[in-house]
Amino acid sequence: MKKIIVSLMVLIALSEYNPIRALSVEAHAERPEPAYAKWGRLAMETAKKKYPKAKILDYLHIGRERRQTTDIEKFKLWIEDEGKEFGLYIDIEFDSKTDRVIRINTRRSAN
């Protein structure tokens, strides 16, 4: 009987199971906010100003266009306004050094 108990204790000690590790909580790092996130918020604010009763259904960051002194962040929002759904393209041009907004262009998709 002693041999069985000793064998079990050795087996538990050598196994990978660690009850303290099983109870520990692992910390996962949050993903950093993408660089375009603040421009995306501005794009949604712009859509809400242009279509105050509309509901934003979807959001897509198309990409960034780099120019000599400015950058343009491009977004497409899918909007429902008065029972109609449509795409709304929003381009935000800004000074790449100061982040000062130069112009915001909006246009509805052709569908």
C-alpha atoms as a PDB file:
ATOM      1  CA  MET A   1       0.000   0.000   0.000  1.00  0.00           C
ATOM      2  CA  LYS A   2       2.889   2.314   0.837  1.00  0.00           C
ATOM      3  CA  LYS A   3       4.406   1.713  -2.597  1.00  0.00           C
ATOM      4  CA  ILE A   4       1.145   2.685  -4.321  1.00  0.00           C
ATOM      5  CA  ILE A   5       0.841   5.962  -2.386  1.00  0.00           C
ATOM      6  CA  VAL A   6       4.500   6.827  -2.994  1.00  0.00           C
ATOM      7  CA  SER A   7       4.103   5.972  -6.682  1.00  0.00           C
ATOM      8  CA  LEU A   8       1.041   8.236  -6.984  1.00  0.00           C
ATOM      9  CA  MET A   9       2.834  11.101  -5.241  1.00  0.00           C
ATOM     10  CA  VAL A  10       5.838  10.747  -7.567  1.00  0.00           C
ATOM     11  CA  LEU A  11       3.540  10.581 -10.579  1.00  0.00           C
ATOM     12  CA  ILE A  12       1.703  13.748  -9.531  1.00  0.00           C
ATOM     13  CA  ALA A  13       4.984  15.540  -8.799  1.00  0.00           C
ATOM     14  CA  LEU A  14       6.399  14.656 -12.212  1.00  0.00           C
ATOM     15  CA  SER A  15       3.253  15.350 -14.199  1.00  0.00           C
ATOM     16  CA  GLU A  16       2.676  18.687 -15.925  1.00  0.00           C
ATOM     17  CA  TYR A  17      -0.470  19.350 -13.950  1.00  0.00           C
ATOM     18  CA  ASN A  18       0.087  22.220 -11.586  1.00  0.00           C
ATOM     19  CA  PRO A  19      -3.013  23.166  -9.576  1.00  0.00           C
ATOM     20  CA  ILE A  20      -1.621  26.617  -8.808  1.00  0.00           C
ATOM     21  CA  ARG A  21      -0.980  27.302 -12.490  1.00  0.00           C
ATOM     22  CA  ALA A  22      -4.448  26.003 -13.349  1.00  0.00           C
ATOM     23  CA  LEU A  23      -5.999  28.611 -11.057  1.00  0.00           C
ATOM     24  CA  SER A  24      -3.833  31.500 -12.228  1.00  0.00           C
ATOM     25  CA  VAL A  25      -5.284  34.184 -14.467  1.00  0.00           C
ATOM     26  CA  GLU A  26      -3.379  35.024 -17.600  1.00  0.00           C
ATOM     27  CA  ALA A  27      -3.193  38.645 -18.641  1.00  0.00           C
ATOM     28  CA  HIS A  28      -3.673  39.359 -22.320  1.00  0.00           C
ATOM     29  CA  ALA A  29      -2.508  42.634 -23.769  1.00  0.00           C
ATOM     30  CA  GLU A  30      -5.139  44.751 -25.486  1.00  0.00           C
ATOM     31  CA  ARG A  31      -4.633  45.487 -29.124  1.00  0.00           C
ATOM     32  CA  PRO A  32      -3.529  49.054 -29.682  1.00  0.00           C
ATOM     33  CA  GLU A  33      -5.998  51.367 -31.365  1.00  0.00           C
ATOM     34  CA  PRO A  34      -5.327  51.565 -35.121  1.00  0.00           C
ATOM     35  CA  ALA A  35      -3.889  54.826 -36.440  1.00  0.00           C
ATOM     36  CA  TYR A  36      -7.032  55.516 -38.478  1.00  0.00           C
ATOM     37  CA  ALA A  37      -9.432  55.146 -35.517  1.00  0.00           C
ATOM     38  CA  LYS A  38      -9.675  58.855 -34.714  1.00  0.00           C
ATOM     39  CA  TRP A  39     -10.385  59.608 -38.385  1.00  0.00           C
ATOM     40  CA  GLY A  40     -13.028  56.879 -38.395  1.00  0.00           C
ATOM     41  CA  ARG A  41     -14.780  58.566 -35.481  1.00  0.00           C
ATOM     42  CA  LEU A  42     -14.695  61.854 -37.408  1.00  0.00           C
ATOM     43  CA  ALA A  43     -16.116  60.085 -40.477  1.00  0.00           C
ATOM     44  CA  MET A  44     -19.036  58.755 -38.417  1.00  0.00           C
ATOM     45  CA  GLU A  45     -19.645  62.211 -36.883  1.00  0.00           C
ATOM     46  CA  THR A  46     -19.657  63.680 -40.395  1.00  0.00           C
ATOM     47  CA  ALA A  47     -22.212  61.099 -41.556  1.00  0.00           C
ATOM     48  CA  LYS A  48     -24.429  61.863 -38.540  1.00  0.00           C
ATOM     49  CA  LYS A  49     -24.305  65.607 -39.318  1.00  0.00           C
ATOM     50  CA  LYS A  50     -25.202  65.033 -42.952  1.00  0.00           C
ATOM     51  CA  TYR A  51     -27.901  62.427 -42.185  1.00  0.00           C
ATOM     52  CA  PRO A  52     -29.048  63.122 -38.593  1.00  0.00           C
ATOM     53  CA  LYS A  53     -31.845  60.517 -38.565  1.00  0.00           C
ATOM     54  CA  ALA A  54     -29.741  57.832 -40.242  1.00  0.00           C
ATOM     55  CA  LYS A  55     -28.425  54.691 -38.635  1.00  0.00           C
ATOM     56  CA  ILE A  56     -24.849  53.595 -39.388  1.00  0.00           C
ATOM     57  CA  LEU A  57     -25.011  49.884 -40.181  1.00  0.00           C
ATOM     58  CA  ASP A  58     -21.397  49.168 -41.142  1.00  0.00           C
ATOM     59  CA  TYR A  59     -18.002  50.815 -41.292  1.00  0.00           C
ATOM     60  CA  LEU A  60     -15.024  50.089 -43.533  1.00  0.00           C
ATOM     61  CA  HIS A  61     -11.591  51.698 -43.558  1.00  0.00           C
ATOM     62  CA  ILE A  62     -10.596  51.632 -47.221  1.00  0.00           C
ATOM     63  CA  GLY A  63      -7.078  52.917 -46.692  1.00  0.00           C
ATOM     64  CA  ARG A  64      -4.765  55.887 -46.542  1.00  0.00           C
ATOM     65  CA  GLU A  65      -3.529  57.844 -49.533  1.00  0.00           C
ATOM     66  CA  ARG A  66      -0.254  59.637 -48.902  1.00  0.00           C
ATOM     67  CA  ARG A  67       0.506  62.873 -50.706  1.00  0.00           C
ATOM     68  CA  GLN A  68       3.398  65.303 -50.427  1.00  0.00           C
ATOM     69  CA  THR A  69       2.267  67.228 -47.336  1.00  0.00           C
ATOM     70  CA  THR A  70      -1.152  65.734 -46.670  1.00  0.00           C
ATOM     71  CA  ASP A  71      -2.736  62.329 -46.186  1.00  0.00           C
ATOM     72  CA  ILE A  72      -6.269  61.217 -47.033  1.00  0.00           C
ATOM     73  CA  GLU A  73      -8.038  58.595 -44.933  1.00  0.00           C
ATOM     74  CA  LYS A  74     -10.821  56.893 -46.904  1.00  0.00           C
ATOM     75  CA  PHE A  75     -13.882  55.249 -45.376  1.00  0.00           C
ATOM     76  CA  LYS A  76     -17.111  53.682 -46.572  1.00  0.00           C
ATOM     77  CA  LEU A  77     -20.086  53.661 -44.244  1.00  0.00           C
ATOM     78  CA  TRP A  78     -23.256  51.683 -44.898  1.00  0.00           C
ATOM     79  CA  ILE A  79     -26.219  53.790 -43.823  1.00  0.00           C
ATOM     80  CA  GLU A  80     -29.973  53.349 -43.450  1.00  0.00           C
ATOM     81  CA  ASP A  81     -31.926  56.582 -43.787  1.00  0.00           C
ATOM     82  CA  GLU A  82     -35.712  56.769 -44.089  1.00  0.00           C
ATOM     83  CA  GLY A  83     -35.952  53.088 -44.992  1.00  0.00           C
ATOM     84  CA  LYS A  84     -33.274  53.256 -47.697  1.00  0.00           C
ATOM     85  CA  GLU A  85     -29.814  51.721 -47.398  1.00  0.00           C
ATOM     86  CA  PHE A  86     -26.826  53.176 -49.219  1.00  0.00           C
ATOM     87  CA  GLY A  87     -23.075  53.497 -49.045  1.00  0.00           C
ATOM     88  CA  LEU A  88     -21.480  56.771 -48.067  1.00  0.00           C
ATOM     89  CA  TYR A  89     -17.851  57.387 -48.967  1.00  0.00           C
ATOM     90  CA  ILE A  90     -16.000  59.820 -46.729  1.00  0.00           C
ATOM     91  CA  ASP A  91     -12.506  61.118 -47.494  1.00  0.00           C
ATOM     92  CA  ILE A  92     -10.732  63.099 -44.794  1.00  0.00           C
ATOM     93  CA  GLU A  93      -7.722  65.088 -45.967  1.00  0.00           C
ATOM     94  CA  PHE A  94      -5.400  66.315 -43.231  1.00  0.00           C
ATOM     95  CA  ASP A  95      -1.932  67.753 -42.730  1.00  0.00           C
ATOM     96  CA  SER A  96       0.297  64.760 -42.052  1.00  0.00           C
ATOM     97  CA  LYS A  97       2.507  66.674 -39.595  1.00  0.00           C
ATOM     98  CA  THR A  98      -0.098  68.516 -37.514  1.00  0.00           C
ATOM     99  CA  ASP A  99      -3.201  66.319 -38.061  1.00  0.00           C
ATOM    100  CA  ARG A 100      -5.154  69.499 -38.902  1.00  0.00           C
ATOM    101  CA  VAL A 101      -8.169  68.672 -41.075  1.00  0.00           C
ATOM    102  CA  ILE A 102      -8.031  70.386 -44.445  1.00  0.00           C
ATOM    103  CA  ARG A 103     -11.226  69.070 -46.051  1.00  0.00           C
ATOM    104  CA  ILE A 104     -13.835  66.350 -45.726  1.00  0.00           C
ATOM    105  CA  ASN A 105     -15.534  65.051 -48.874  1.00  0.00           C
ATOM    106  CA  THR A 106     -18.643  62.863 -48.816  1.00  0.00           C
ATOM    107  CA  ARG A 107     -20.400  61.106 -51.680  1.00  0.00           C
ATOM    108  CA  ARG A 108     -23.148  58.505 -51.886  1.00  0.00           C
ATOM    109  CA  SER A 109     -22.504  55.246 -53.667  1.00  0.00           C
ATOM    110  CA  ALA A 110     -24.231  54.721 -56.996  1.00  0.00           C
ATOM    111  CA  ASN A 111     -26.375  51.728 -55.908  1.00  0.00           C
END
